[in-house]
């Protein structure tokens, strides 16, 4: 109904709220008025717990009380919205050429759930943005590393994000994945480096061994 041309004025009058874990977190507003169609495309007629939405934009000030029926949360001016389901996400992941599919898929799902359930991830802090970027763009390679570690009797025991020593004029962080040997308790680490300076993060270095300094 809202997608009909004669009803487009209603789309502009609605308050579009982005919720995380059931909590109203952001009010969404398009940078370009033509992008109201992205909001419409993200609506589901039959919502399910597996529904996911990726919003890319710039966080602005708190909304005034009159903007959205008294809801006072930050406004995000968005440029992209990608709606998908958990099942669609894993189906679209590249196949591994080095790891058996069963182990690879199990590692990917475990890692995805672990990062998604990390607390206080509203996507506004640099470490959150880095992890969210890695889940969407680089999960396949990290999942291979998790599956390979499992074959060596190692388990993923920690995921940390720290400011990179290379940070200067750019905001760069290191995402560090710790693996603990199930027999010896020896810890090995691998990391990727992500630039989160601008609206669209990008990979600086690929997954490689990490050594504590």
N, C-alpha and C. Protein backbone atom coordinates (compact mmCIF):
# COMPACT_ATOMS: atom_id res chain seq x y z
N UNK A 1 0.83 -1.21 0.00
CA UNK A 1 0.00 0.00 0.00
C UNK A 1 0.86 1.26 0.00
N UNK A 2 1.86 1.30 0.88
CA UNK A 2 2.71 2.49 0.95
C UNK A 2 3.52 2.70 -0.31
N UNK A 3 3.79 1.63 -1.07
CA UNK A 3 4.62 1.75 -2.26
C UNK A 3 3.87 2.37 -3.44
N UNK A 4 2.56 2.48 -3.34
CA UNK A 4 1.80 3.09 -4.42
C UNK A 4 2.15 4.57 -4.54
N UNK A 5 2.29 5.07 -5.77
CA UNK A 5 2.69 6.47 -5.96
C UNK A 5 1.80 7.46 -5.23
N UNK A 6 0.49 7.19 -5.18
CA UNK A 6 -0.42 8.14 -4.54
C UNK A 6 -0.27 8.16 -3.02
N UNK A 7 0.45 7.18 -2.47
CA UNK A 7 0.63 7.12 -1.02
C UNK A 7 2.05 7.48 -0.58
N UNK A 8 2.88 7.92 -1.50
CA UNK A 8 4.26 8.21 -1.15
C UNK A 8 4.39 9.35 -0.14
N UNK A 9 3.42 10.24 -0.13
CA UNK A 9 3.49 11.33 0.85
C UNK A 9 3.41 10.79 2.28
N UNK A 10 2.71 9.66 2.45
CA UNK A 10 2.62 9.05 3.78
C UNK A 10 3.97 8.53 4.25
N UNK A 11 4.76 8.02 3.30
CA UNK A 11 6.08 7.50 3.64
C UNK A 11 6.94 8.59 4.26
N UNK A 12 6.83 9.79 3.73
CA UNK A 12 7.63 10.90 4.24
C UNK A 12 7.13 11.39 5.59
N UNK A 13 5.87 11.10 5.92
CA UNK A 13 5.30 11.54 7.19
C UNK A 13 5.55 10.56 8.33
N UNK A 14 5.87 9.33 7.98
CA UNK A 14 6.07 8.30 9.00
C UNK A 14 7.38 8.51 9.75
N UNK A 15 7.45 7.98 10.96
CA UNK A 15 8.68 7.98 11.74
C UNK A 15 9.31 6.59 11.60
N UNK A 16 10.51 6.55 11.03
CA UNK A 16 11.18 5.28 10.76
C UNK A 16 12.20 5.02 11.86
N UNK A 17 11.98 3.97 12.64
CA UNK A 17 12.80 3.69 13.82
C UNK A 17 13.56 2.38 13.61
N UNK A 18 14.85 2.42 13.89
CA UNK A 18 15.71 1.24 13.81
C UNK A 18 15.91 0.69 15.21
N UNK A 19 15.54 -0.58 15.42
CA UNK A 19 15.62 -1.21 16.74
C UNK A 19 16.75 -2.24 16.76
N UNK A 20 17.43 -2.33 17.88
CA UNK A 20 18.48 -3.33 18.10
C UNK A 20 18.12 -4.10 19.36
N UNK A 21 18.00 -5.43 19.22
CA UNK A 21 17.60 -6.28 20.33
C UNK A 21 16.30 -5.79 20.98
N UNK A 22 15.38 -5.32 20.13
CA UNK A 22 14.08 -4.89 20.61
C UNK A 22 14.03 -3.49 21.19
N UNK A 23 15.15 -2.79 21.20
CA UNK A 23 15.20 -1.44 21.76
C UNK A 23 15.27 -0.41 20.64
N UNK A 24 14.42 0.61 20.72
CA UNK A 24 14.47 1.70 19.74
C UNK A 24 15.80 2.43 19.90
N UNK A 25 16.62 2.40 18.84
CA UNK A 25 18.00 2.88 18.94
C UNK A 25 18.26 4.12 18.09
N UNK A 26 17.72 4.16 16.89
CA UNK A 26 17.95 5.28 15.99
C UNK A 26 16.66 5.63 15.25
N UNK A 27 16.53 6.89 14.90
CA UNK A 27 15.53 7.32 13.92
C UNK A 27 16.25 7.44 12.59
N UNK A 28 15.71 6.83 11.55
CA UNK A 28 16.36 6.83 10.25
C UNK A 28 15.77 7.90 9.34
N UNK A 29 16.66 8.61 8.67
CA UNK A 29 16.25 9.62 7.70
C UNK A 29 17.17 9.50 6.48
N UNK A 30 16.62 9.48 5.27
CA UNK A 30 17.47 9.33 4.08
C UNK A 30 18.23 10.61 3.76
N UNK A 31 19.46 10.45 3.28
CA UNK A 31 20.22 11.61 2.83
C UNK A 31 19.60 12.18 1.55
N UNK A 32 19.10 11.27 0.71
CA UNK A 32 18.44 11.64 -0.55
C UNK A 32 16.98 11.22 -0.44
N UNK A 33 16.07 12.10 -0.75
CA UNK A 33 14.64 11.78 -0.62
C UNK A 33 14.23 10.60 -1.48
N UNK A 34 14.99 10.33 -2.54
CA UNK A 34 14.67 9.18 -3.39
C UNK A 34 14.91 7.86 -2.66
N UNK A 35 15.65 7.90 -1.56
CA UNK A 35 15.99 6.67 -0.84
C UNK A 35 14.93 6.23 0.15
N UNK A 36 13.78 6.89 0.16
CA UNK A 36 12.68 6.35 0.97
C UNK A 36 12.29 4.96 0.49
N UNK A 37 12.59 4.67 -0.77
CA UNK A 37 12.29 3.33 -1.30
C UNK A 37 13.08 2.26 -0.56
N UNK A 38 14.28 2.61 -0.05
CA UNK A 38 15.07 1.64 0.71
C UNK A 38 14.37 1.26 2.01
N UNK A 39 13.70 2.23 2.62
CA UNK A 39 12.94 1.94 3.84
C UNK A 39 11.76 1.02 3.53
N UNK A 40 11.10 1.29 2.43
CA UNK A 40 9.96 0.45 2.04
C UNK A 40 10.41 -0.98 1.76
N UNK A 41 11.56 -1.10 1.08
CA UNK A 41 12.06 -2.44 0.75
C UNK A 41 12.44 -3.23 2.00
N UNK A 42 12.78 -2.51 3.08
CA UNK A 42 13.19 -3.19 4.32
C UNK A 42 12.01 -3.65 5.16
N UNK A 43 10.80 -3.20 4.83
CA UNK A 43 9.62 -3.63 5.59
C UNK A 43 9.28 -5.08 5.25
N UNK A 44 8.94 -5.87 6.25
CA UNK A 44 8.53 -7.25 6.03
C UNK A 44 7.05 -7.40 6.37
N UNK A 45 6.34 -8.10 5.51
CA UNK A 45 4.92 -8.36 5.81
C UNK A 45 4.77 -9.36 6.94
N UNK A 46 5.74 -10.28 7.05
CA UNK A 46 5.72 -11.28 8.13
C UNK A 46 7.10 -11.32 8.78
N UNK A 47 7.38 -10.43 9.72
CA UNK A 47 8.70 -10.38 10.35
C UNK A 47 9.03 -11.69 11.07
N UNK A 48 10.33 -12.03 11.10
CA UNK A 48 10.76 -13.23 11.81
C UNK A 48 12.06 -12.92 12.56
N UNK A 49 12.41 -13.74 13.57
CA UNK A 49 13.63 -13.50 14.35
C UNK A 49 14.90 -13.57 13.51
N UNK A 50 14.84 -14.18 12.32
CA UNK A 50 16.04 -14.29 11.49
C UNK A 50 16.24 -13.07 10.60
N UNK A 51 15.33 -12.10 10.65
CA UNK A 51 15.46 -10.90 9.83
C UNK A 51 16.60 -10.03 10.33
N UNK A 52 17.38 -9.50 9.40
CA UNK A 52 18.50 -8.61 9.74
C UNK A 52 18.48 -7.42 8.79
N UNK A 53 18.95 -6.29 9.28
CA UNK A 53 19.05 -5.10 8.44
C UNK A 53 20.39 -4.43 8.70
N UNK A 54 21.10 -4.14 7.63
CA UNK A 54 22.36 -3.41 7.72
C UNK A 54 22.11 -1.98 7.26
N UNK A 55 22.38 -1.03 8.15
CA UNK A 55 22.20 0.39 7.84
C UNK A 55 23.56 1.06 7.82
N UNK A 56 23.86 1.78 6.74
CA UNK A 56 25.10 2.53 6.62
C UNK A 56 24.75 4.00 6.50
N UNK A 57 25.29 4.79 7.41
CA UNK A 57 24.98 6.22 7.39
C UNK A 57 25.83 6.98 8.39
N UNK A 58 25.43 8.20 8.64
CA UNK A 58 26.15 9.07 9.57
C UNK A 58 25.25 9.39 10.75
N UNK A 59 25.78 9.17 11.95
CA UNK A 59 25.02 9.45 13.17
C UNK A 59 24.99 10.96 13.43
N UNK A 60 23.78 11.49 13.62
CA UNK A 60 23.60 12.90 13.88
C UNK A 60 23.21 13.18 15.32
N UNK A 61 22.60 14.31 15.58
CA UNK A 61 22.22 14.69 16.94
C UNK A 61 21.00 13.92 17.43
N UNK A 62 20.66 14.10 18.70
CA UNK A 62 19.45 13.51 19.26
C UNK A 62 18.24 14.15 18.60
N UNK A 63 17.22 13.36 18.38
CA UNK A 63 16.00 13.87 17.75
C UNK A 63 15.26 14.78 18.73
N UNK A 64 14.69 15.88 18.27
CA UNK A 64 13.85 16.70 19.15
C UNK A 64 12.58 15.94 19.51
N UNK A 65 12.01 16.25 20.64
CA UNK A 65 10.86 15.49 21.15
C UNK A 65 9.67 15.52 20.20
N UNK A 66 9.55 16.58 19.41
CA UNK A 66 8.40 16.69 18.51
C UNK A 66 8.58 15.94 17.21
N UNK A 67 9.77 15.39 16.99
CA UNK A 67 10.05 14.75 15.70
C UNK A 67 9.36 13.40 15.55
N UNK A 68 9.34 12.62 16.64
CA UNK A 68 8.87 11.24 16.53
C UNK A 68 8.06 10.85 17.76
N UNK A 69 7.01 11.62 18.01
CA UNK A 69 6.07 11.30 19.09
C UNK A 69 6.77 11.16 20.44
N UNK A 70 7.76 12.03 20.69
CA UNK A 70 8.43 12.03 21.99
C UNK A 70 9.62 11.10 22.11
N UNK A 71 9.91 10.31 21.07
CA UNK A 71 11.05 9.40 21.12
C UNK A 71 12.34 10.22 20.94
N UNK A 72 13.21 10.17 21.92
CA UNK A 72 14.45 10.94 21.86
C UNK A 72 15.63 9.97 21.75
N UNK A 73 16.05 9.73 20.53
CA UNK A 73 17.21 8.89 20.21
C UNK A 73 17.97 9.59 19.09
N UNK A 74 19.21 9.18 18.82
CA UNK A 74 19.96 9.82 17.73
C UNK A 74 19.30 9.60 16.37
N UNK A 75 19.51 10.56 15.50
CA UNK A 75 19.06 10.45 14.11
C UNK A 75 20.22 9.96 13.27
N UNK A 76 19.99 8.98 12.43
CA UNK A 76 21.00 8.49 11.50
C UNK A 76 20.58 8.86 10.08
N UNK A 77 21.42 9.64 9.42
CA UNK A 77 21.19 9.97 8.01
C UNK A 77 21.81 8.84 7.19
N UNK A 78 20.98 8.02 6.58
CA UNK A 78 21.50 6.81 5.94
C UNK A 78 21.71 6.99 4.44
N UNK A 79 22.65 6.17 3.94
CA UNK A 79 22.93 6.11 2.50
C UNK A 79 22.58 4.76 1.92
N UNK A 80 22.65 3.71 2.75
CA UNK A 80 22.34 2.37 2.28
C UNK A 80 21.61 1.60 3.36
N UNK A 81 20.68 0.75 2.94
CA UNK A 81 20.02 -0.21 3.82
C UNK A 81 19.98 -1.54 3.09
N UNK A 82 20.47 -2.58 3.74
CA UNK A 82 20.45 -3.92 3.15
C UNK A 82 19.63 -4.83 4.04
N UNK A 83 18.41 -5.18 3.65
CA UNK A 83 17.62 -6.15 4.43
C UNK A 83 17.91 -7.57 3.95
N UNK A 84 18.07 -8.50 4.89
CA UNK A 84 18.30 -9.89 4.52
C UNK A 84 17.95 -10.76 5.72
N UNK A 85 17.93 -12.06 5.51
CA UNK A 85 17.70 -12.99 6.60
C UNK A 85 19.00 -13.73 6.91
N UNK A 86 19.03 -14.34 8.06
CA UNK A 86 20.21 -15.12 8.45
C UNK A 86 20.48 -16.21 7.41
N UNK A 87 19.43 -16.88 6.96
CA UNK A 87 19.58 -17.96 5.99
C UNK A 87 20.14 -17.44 4.67
N UNK A 88 19.64 -16.30 4.20
CA UNK A 88 20.14 -15.72 2.95
C UNK A 88 21.61 -15.34 3.07
N UNK A 89 21.98 -14.84 4.25
CA UNK A 89 23.36 -14.41 4.45
C UNK A 89 24.32 -15.58 4.30
N UNK A 90 24.04 -16.69 4.99
CA UNK A 90 24.96 -17.83 4.93
C UNK A 90 24.92 -18.52 3.56
N UNK A 91 23.78 -18.47 2.91
CA UNK A 91 23.69 -19.06 1.57
C UNK A 91 24.55 -18.29 0.58
N UNK A 92 24.68 -16.98 0.79
CA UNK A 92 25.44 -16.13 -0.14
C UNK A 92 26.93 -16.12 0.16
N UNK A 93 27.36 -16.70 1.28
CA UNK A 93 28.79 -16.70 1.62
C UNK A 93 29.59 -17.50 0.60
N UNK A 94 30.80 -17.03 0.26
CA UNK A 94 31.66 -17.81 -0.64
C UNK A 94 31.97 -19.18 -0.05
N UNK A 95 32.09 -20.17 -0.91
CA UNK A 95 32.46 -21.51 -0.46
C UNK A 95 33.96 -21.54 -0.15
N UNK A 96 34.32 -22.33 0.84
CA UNK A 96 35.73 -22.45 1.20
C UNK A 96 36.41 -23.46 0.28
N UNK A 97 37.62 -23.09 -0.18
CA UNK A 97 38.40 -24.00 -1.01
C UNK A 97 39.38 -24.82 -0.18
N UNK A 98 39.52 -24.48 1.12
CA UNK A 98 40.52 -25.15 1.95
C UNK A 98 39.92 -25.98 3.07
N UNK A 99 38.67 -25.70 3.43
CA UNK A 99 38.08 -26.33 4.62
C UNK A 99 36.83 -27.11 4.22
N UNK A 100 36.62 -28.32 4.76
CA UNK A 100 35.38 -29.06 4.49
C UNK A 100 34.16 -28.20 4.80
N UNK A 101 33.14 -28.30 3.96
CA UNK A 101 32.00 -27.41 4.06
C UNK A 101 31.29 -27.50 5.40
N UNK A 102 31.18 -28.68 5.96
CA UNK A 102 30.47 -28.84 7.23
C UNK A 102 31.16 -28.06 8.34
N UNK A 103 32.48 -28.23 8.46
CA UNK A 103 33.24 -27.53 9.49
C UNK A 103 33.24 -26.02 9.25
N UNK A 104 33.36 -25.64 7.99
CA UNK A 104 33.38 -24.23 7.61
C UNK A 104 32.05 -23.55 7.96
N UNK A 105 30.94 -24.19 7.64
CA UNK A 105 29.62 -23.63 7.92
C UNK A 105 29.37 -23.50 9.42
N UNK A 106 29.77 -24.54 10.17
CA UNK A 106 29.60 -24.50 11.62
C UNK A 106 30.41 -23.37 12.24
N UNK A 107 31.65 -23.18 11.77
CA UNK A 107 32.49 -22.11 12.29
C UNK A 107 31.90 -20.75 11.97
N UNK A 108 31.38 -20.59 10.75
CA UNK A 108 30.80 -19.31 10.34
C UNK A 108 29.59 -18.95 11.19
N UNK A 109 28.73 -19.91 11.45
CA UNK A 109 27.54 -19.63 12.23
C UNK A 109 27.88 -19.32 13.69
N UNK A 110 28.85 -20.07 14.24
CA UNK A 110 29.26 -19.81 15.62
C UNK A 110 29.87 -18.42 15.75
N UNK A 111 30.74 -18.05 14.82
CA UNK A 111 31.39 -16.75 14.87
C UNK A 111 30.39 -15.62 14.66
N UNK A 112 29.47 -15.80 13.73
CA UNK A 112 28.43 -14.82 13.47
C UNK A 112 27.61 -14.56 14.73
N UNK A 113 27.16 -15.64 15.38
CA UNK A 113 26.34 -15.49 16.59
C UNK A 113 27.13 -14.84 17.72
N UNK A 114 28.39 -15.20 17.83
CA UNK A 114 29.22 -14.65 18.90
C UNK A 114 29.35 -13.13 18.77
N UNK A 115 29.61 -12.67 17.57
CA UNK A 115 29.78 -11.23 17.36
C UNK A 115 28.45 -10.50 17.47
N UNK A 116 27.39 -11.09 16.95
CA UNK A 116 26.07 -10.46 17.02
C UNK A 116 25.59 -10.31 18.46
N UNK A 117 26.01 -11.21 19.34
CA UNK A 117 25.54 -11.18 20.72
C UNK A 117 26.44 -10.38 21.65
N UNK A 118 27.52 -9.82 21.12
CA UNK A 118 28.38 -8.98 21.95
C UNK A 118 27.60 -7.77 22.41
N UNK A 119 27.74 -7.41 23.68
CA UNK A 119 26.91 -6.37 24.27
C UNK A 119 27.31 -4.98 23.79
N UNK A 120 26.36 -4.07 23.89
CA UNK A 120 26.59 -2.65 23.61
C UNK A 120 27.04 -2.38 22.18
N UNK A 121 26.63 -3.21 21.24
CA UNK A 121 27.00 -2.96 19.85
C UNK A 121 25.84 -2.28 19.13
N UNK A 122 25.87 -0.95 19.17
CA UNK A 122 24.88 -0.16 18.44
C UNK A 122 25.46 0.39 17.15
N UNK A 123 26.68 -0.07 16.81
CA UNK A 123 27.28 0.33 15.55
C UNK A 123 27.81 1.74 15.51
N UNK A 124 27.95 2.39 16.66
CA UNK A 124 28.38 3.79 16.66
C UNK A 124 29.84 3.97 17.07
N UNK A 125 30.41 2.99 17.77
CA UNK A 125 31.80 3.08 18.20
C UNK A 125 32.70 2.42 17.15
N UNK A 126 33.96 2.85 17.11
CA UNK A 126 34.87 2.34 16.09
C UNK A 126 35.03 0.83 16.16
N UNK A 127 35.14 0.28 17.39
CA UNK A 127 35.32 -1.17 17.48
C UNK A 127 34.07 -1.93 17.03
N UNK A 128 32.90 -1.36 17.30
CA UNK A 128 31.66 -1.99 16.83
C UNK A 128 31.56 -1.96 15.31
N UNK A 129 31.91 -0.83 14.74
CA UNK A 129 31.84 -0.68 13.29
C UNK A 129 32.80 -1.63 12.59
N UNK A 130 33.98 -1.82 13.20
CA UNK A 130 34.95 -2.74 12.62
C UNK A 130 34.41 -4.17 12.63
N UNK A 131 33.85 -4.59 13.76
CA UNK A 131 33.31 -5.95 13.85
C UNK A 131 32.14 -6.14 12.91
N UNK A 132 31.26 -5.17 12.83
CA UNK A 132 30.11 -5.28 11.93
C UNK A 132 30.57 -5.38 10.47
N UNK A 133 31.58 -4.59 10.13
CA UNK A 133 32.14 -4.67 8.77
C UNK A 133 32.70 -6.06 8.50
N UNK A 134 33.46 -6.60 9.45
CA UNK A 134 34.08 -7.91 9.25
C UNK A 134 33.04 -9.02 9.13
N UNK A 135 31.96 -8.92 9.89
CA UNK A 135 30.90 -9.93 9.80
C UNK A 135 30.31 -9.95 8.40
N UNK A 136 30.10 -8.78 7.83
CA UNK A 136 29.42 -8.71 6.54
C UNK A 136 30.38 -8.99 5.38
N UNK A 137 31.62 -8.49 5.47
CA UNK A 137 32.52 -8.54 4.33
C UNK A 137 33.65 -9.57 4.41
N UNK A 138 33.97 -10.05 5.63
CA UNK A 138 35.18 -10.87 5.76
C UNK A 138 34.95 -12.11 6.61
N UNK A 139 33.68 -12.43 6.90
CA UNK A 139 33.38 -13.57 7.77
C UNK A 139 33.89 -14.87 7.19
N UNK A 140 33.86 -15.00 5.87
CA UNK A 140 34.26 -16.26 5.25
C UNK A 140 35.72 -16.61 5.56
N UNK A 141 36.61 -15.61 5.51
CA UNK A 141 38.02 -15.90 5.76
C UNK A 141 38.28 -16.17 7.25
N UNK A 142 37.64 -15.42 8.12
CA UNK A 142 37.82 -15.66 9.55
C UNK A 142 37.25 -17.02 9.93
N UNK A 143 36.15 -17.39 9.32
CA UNK A 143 35.54 -18.70 9.60
C UNK A 143 36.47 -19.83 9.18
N UNK A 144 37.17 -19.65 8.07
CA UNK A 144 38.16 -20.65 7.66
C UNK A 144 39.23 -20.81 8.74
N UNK A 145 39.68 -19.68 9.29
CA UNK A 145 40.71 -19.73 10.33
C UNK A 145 40.19 -20.43 11.58
N UNK A 146 38.92 -20.19 11.93
CA UNK A 146 38.33 -20.85 13.10
C UNK A 146 38.24 -22.36 12.87
N UNK A 147 37.82 -22.76 11.67
CA UNK A 147 37.72 -24.19 11.35
C UNK A 147 39.10 -24.84 11.34
N UNK A 148 40.09 -24.15 10.78
CA UNK A 148 41.45 -24.69 10.75
C UNK A 148 42.01 -24.84 12.17
N UNK A 149 41.71 -23.86 13.02
CA UNK A 149 42.17 -23.94 14.42
C UNK A 149 41.52 -25.11 15.14
N UNK A 150 40.23 -25.33 14.87
CA UNK A 150 39.53 -26.45 15.51
C UNK A 150 40.19 -27.78 15.13
N UNK A 151 40.63 -27.87 13.89
CA UNK A 151 41.30 -29.10 13.45
C UNK A 151 42.63 -29.29 14.15
N UNK A 152 43.21 -28.21 14.68
CA UNK A 152 44.47 -28.29 15.44
C UNK A 152 44.22 -28.39 16.94
N UNK A 153 42.99 -28.73 17.33
CA UNK A 153 42.61 -28.81 18.74
C UNK A 153 42.64 -27.46 19.43
N UNK A 154 42.30 -26.41 18.69
CA UNK A 154 42.23 -25.07 19.25
C UNK A 154 40.81 -24.54 19.13
N UNK A 155 40.40 -23.75 20.11
CA UNK A 155 39.07 -23.15 20.11
C UNK A 155 39.19 -21.63 20.14
N UNK A 156 38.27 -20.95 19.48
CA UNK A 156 38.21 -19.49 19.55
C UNK A 156 37.74 -19.11 20.94
N UNK A 157 38.56 -18.36 21.68
CA UNK A 157 38.23 -18.04 23.07
C UNK A 157 38.05 -16.54 23.32
N UNK A 158 38.43 -15.69 22.37
CA UNK A 158 38.26 -14.25 22.60
C UNK A 158 38.30 -13.50 21.27
N UNK A 159 37.54 -12.42 21.24
CA UNK A 159 37.56 -11.48 20.12
C UNK A 159 37.72 -10.09 20.71
N UNK A 160 38.82 -9.43 20.39
CA UNK A 160 39.10 -8.10 20.93
C UNK A 160 39.36 -7.13 19.79
N UNK A 161 39.02 -5.87 20.01
CA UNK A 161 39.32 -4.82 19.04
C UNK A 161 40.06 -3.71 19.77
N UNK A 162 41.22 -3.35 19.23
CA UNK A 162 42.06 -2.33 19.87
C UNK A 162 42.49 -1.29 18.84
N UNK A 163 42.76 -0.06 19.28
CA UNK A 163 43.33 0.93 18.36
C UNK A 163 44.66 0.41 17.81
N UNK A 164 44.86 0.58 16.52
CA UNK A 164 46.10 0.10 15.91
C UNK A 164 47.25 1.06 16.16
N UNK A 165 48.48 0.52 16.28
CA UNK A 165 49.65 1.40 16.38
C UNK A 165 49.80 2.31 15.16
N UNK A 166 49.15 1.94 14.06
CA UNK A 166 49.24 2.74 12.84
C UNK A 166 48.29 3.92 12.84
N UNK A 167 47.41 3.99 13.84
CA UNK A 167 46.46 5.10 13.90
C UNK A 167 47.20 6.43 14.02
N UNK A 168 46.78 7.38 13.23
CA UNK A 168 47.34 8.73 13.26
C UNK A 168 46.28 9.67 12.77
N UNK A 169 46.42 10.09 11.54
CA UNK A 169 45.36 10.90 10.93
C UNK A 169 44.16 10.04 10.56
N UNK A 170 44.36 8.71 10.49
CA UNK A 170 43.28 7.78 10.18
C UNK A 170 42.91 7.00 11.44
N UNK A 171 41.64 6.62 11.56
CA UNK A 171 41.18 5.79 12.68
C UNK A 171 41.27 4.33 12.23
N UNK A 172 42.27 3.63 12.73
CA UNK A 172 42.53 2.24 12.33
C UNK A 172 42.52 1.36 13.58
N UNK A 173 41.84 0.22 13.48
CA UNK A 173 41.76 -0.68 14.62
C UNK A 173 42.22 -2.08 14.21
N UNK A 174 42.69 -2.83 15.21
CA UNK A 174 43.06 -4.23 15.02
C UNK A 174 42.01 -5.11 15.67
N UNK A 175 41.41 -6.00 14.89
CA UNK A 175 40.49 -7.01 15.42
C UNK A 175 41.29 -8.29 15.64
N UNK A 176 41.39 -8.71 16.91
CA UNK A 176 42.28 -9.81 17.29
C UNK A 176 41.45 -11.02 17.73
N UNK A 177 41.75 -12.16 17.13
CA UNK A 177 41.03 -13.40 17.43
C UNK A 177 42.00 -14.35 18.14
N UNK A 178 41.64 -14.73 19.37
CA UNK A 178 42.51 -15.58 20.19
C UNK A 178 42.02 -17.02 20.16
N UNK A 179 42.95 -17.94 19.98
CA UNK A 179 42.66 -19.37 19.93
C UNK A 179 43.45 -20.07 21.02
N UNK A 180 42.77 -20.91 21.81
CA UNK A 180 43.42 -21.62 22.92
C UNK A 180 43.45 -23.12 22.62
N UNK A 181 44.64 -23.70 22.75
CA UNK A 181 44.78 -25.13 22.54
C UNK A 181 44.06 -25.89 23.66
N UNK A 182 43.23 -26.84 23.28
CA UNK A 182 42.41 -27.55 24.27
C UNK A 182 43.23 -28.52 25.13
N UNK A 183 44.45 -28.82 24.71
CA UNK A 183 45.28 -29.74 25.48
C UNK A 183 46.34 -29.03 26.31
N UNK A 184 46.91 -27.96 25.76
CA UNK A 184 48.05 -27.31 26.42
C UNK A 184 47.71 -25.93 26.98
N UNK A 185 46.54 -25.37 26.61
CA UNK A 185 46.13 -24.02 27.01
C UNK A 185 47.02 -22.92 26.41
N UNK A 186 47.87 -23.27 25.46
CA UNK A 186 48.69 -22.26 24.77
C UNK A 186 47.78 -21.43 23.86
N UNK A 187 47.98 -20.12 23.88
CA UNK A 187 47.14 -19.19 23.12
C UNK A 187 47.89 -18.68 21.90
N UNK A 188 47.25 -18.76 20.74
CA UNK A 188 47.78 -18.14 19.52
C UNK A 188 46.75 -17.11 19.04
N UNK A 189 47.22 -16.12 18.32
CA UNK A 189 46.33 -15.03 17.91
C UNK A 189 46.51 -14.70 16.43
N UNK A 190 45.39 -14.30 15.82
CA UNK A 190 45.42 -13.77 14.47
C UNK A 190 44.62 -12.46 14.46
N UNK A 191 44.93 -11.59 13.49
CA UNK A 191 44.24 -10.31 13.49
C UNK A 191 44.05 -9.79 12.07
N UNK A 192 43.10 -8.88 11.95
CA UNK A 192 42.92 -8.10 10.73
C UNK A 192 42.89 -6.63 11.14
N UNK A 193 43.28 -5.80 10.22
CA UNK A 193 43.34 -4.36 10.49
C UNK A 193 42.29 -3.67 9.62
N UNK A 194 41.47 -2.81 10.26
CA UNK A 194 40.35 -2.17 9.57
C UNK A 194 40.44 -0.66 9.75
N UNK A 195 40.23 0.06 8.66
CA UNK A 195 40.17 1.53 8.70
C UNK A 195 38.71 1.93 8.85
N UNK A 196 38.39 2.62 9.96
CA UNK A 196 37.01 3.02 10.23
C UNK A 196 36.88 4.55 10.25
N UNK A 197 37.78 5.23 9.57
CA UNK A 197 37.78 6.69 9.58
C UNK A 197 36.51 7.26 8.98
N UNK A 198 36.12 6.73 7.85
CA UNK A 198 35.01 7.29 7.09
C UNK A 198 33.74 6.46 7.24
N UNK A 199 32.73 6.87 6.54
CA UNK A 199 31.43 6.19 6.65
C UNK A 199 31.52 4.72 6.25
N UNK A 200 32.34 4.42 5.25
CA UNK A 200 32.45 3.05 4.76
C UNK A 200 33.81 2.48 5.18
N UNK A 201 33.85 1.58 6.19
CA UNK A 201 35.12 0.97 6.60
C UNK A 201 35.72 0.13 5.48
N UNK A 202 37.02 -0.14 5.59
CA UNK A 202 37.65 -1.03 4.62
C UNK A 202 38.83 -1.73 5.27
N UNK A 203 39.21 -2.86 4.66
CA UNK A 203 40.27 -3.70 5.19
C UNK A 203 41.63 -3.09 4.85
N UNK A 204 42.51 -3.00 5.86
CA UNK A 204 43.87 -2.50 5.66
C UNK A 204 44.84 -3.66 5.47
N UNK A 205 44.76 -4.67 6.34
CA UNK A 205 45.58 -5.87 6.20
C UNK A 205 44.70 -7.09 6.37
N UNK A 206 45.02 -8.13 5.65
CA UNK A 206 44.27 -9.38 5.74
C UNK A 206 44.65 -10.16 6.99
N UNK A 207 43.91 -11.23 7.24
CA UNK A 207 44.14 -12.04 8.43
C UNK A 207 45.57 -12.56 8.46
N UNK A 208 46.24 -12.35 9.58
CA UNK A 208 47.65 -12.77 9.71
C UNK A 208 47.95 -12.98 11.20
N UNK A 209 49.08 -13.64 11.52
CA UNK A 209 49.43 -13.87 12.93
C UNK A 209 49.62 -12.57 13.68
N UNK A 210 49.23 -12.59 14.95
CA UNK A 210 49.36 -11.40 15.81
C UNK A 210 50.28 -11.75 16.98
N UNK A 211 51.19 -10.83 17.28
CA UNK A 211 52.12 -11.04 18.38
C UNK A 211 51.99 -9.88 19.37
N UNK A 212 51.76 -10.20 20.63
CA UNK A 212 51.64 -9.16 21.65
C UNK A 212 52.95 -8.40 21.78
N UNK A 213 52.79 -7.08 21.91
CA UNK A 213 53.97 -6.23 22.01
C UNK A 213 54.17 -5.82 23.46
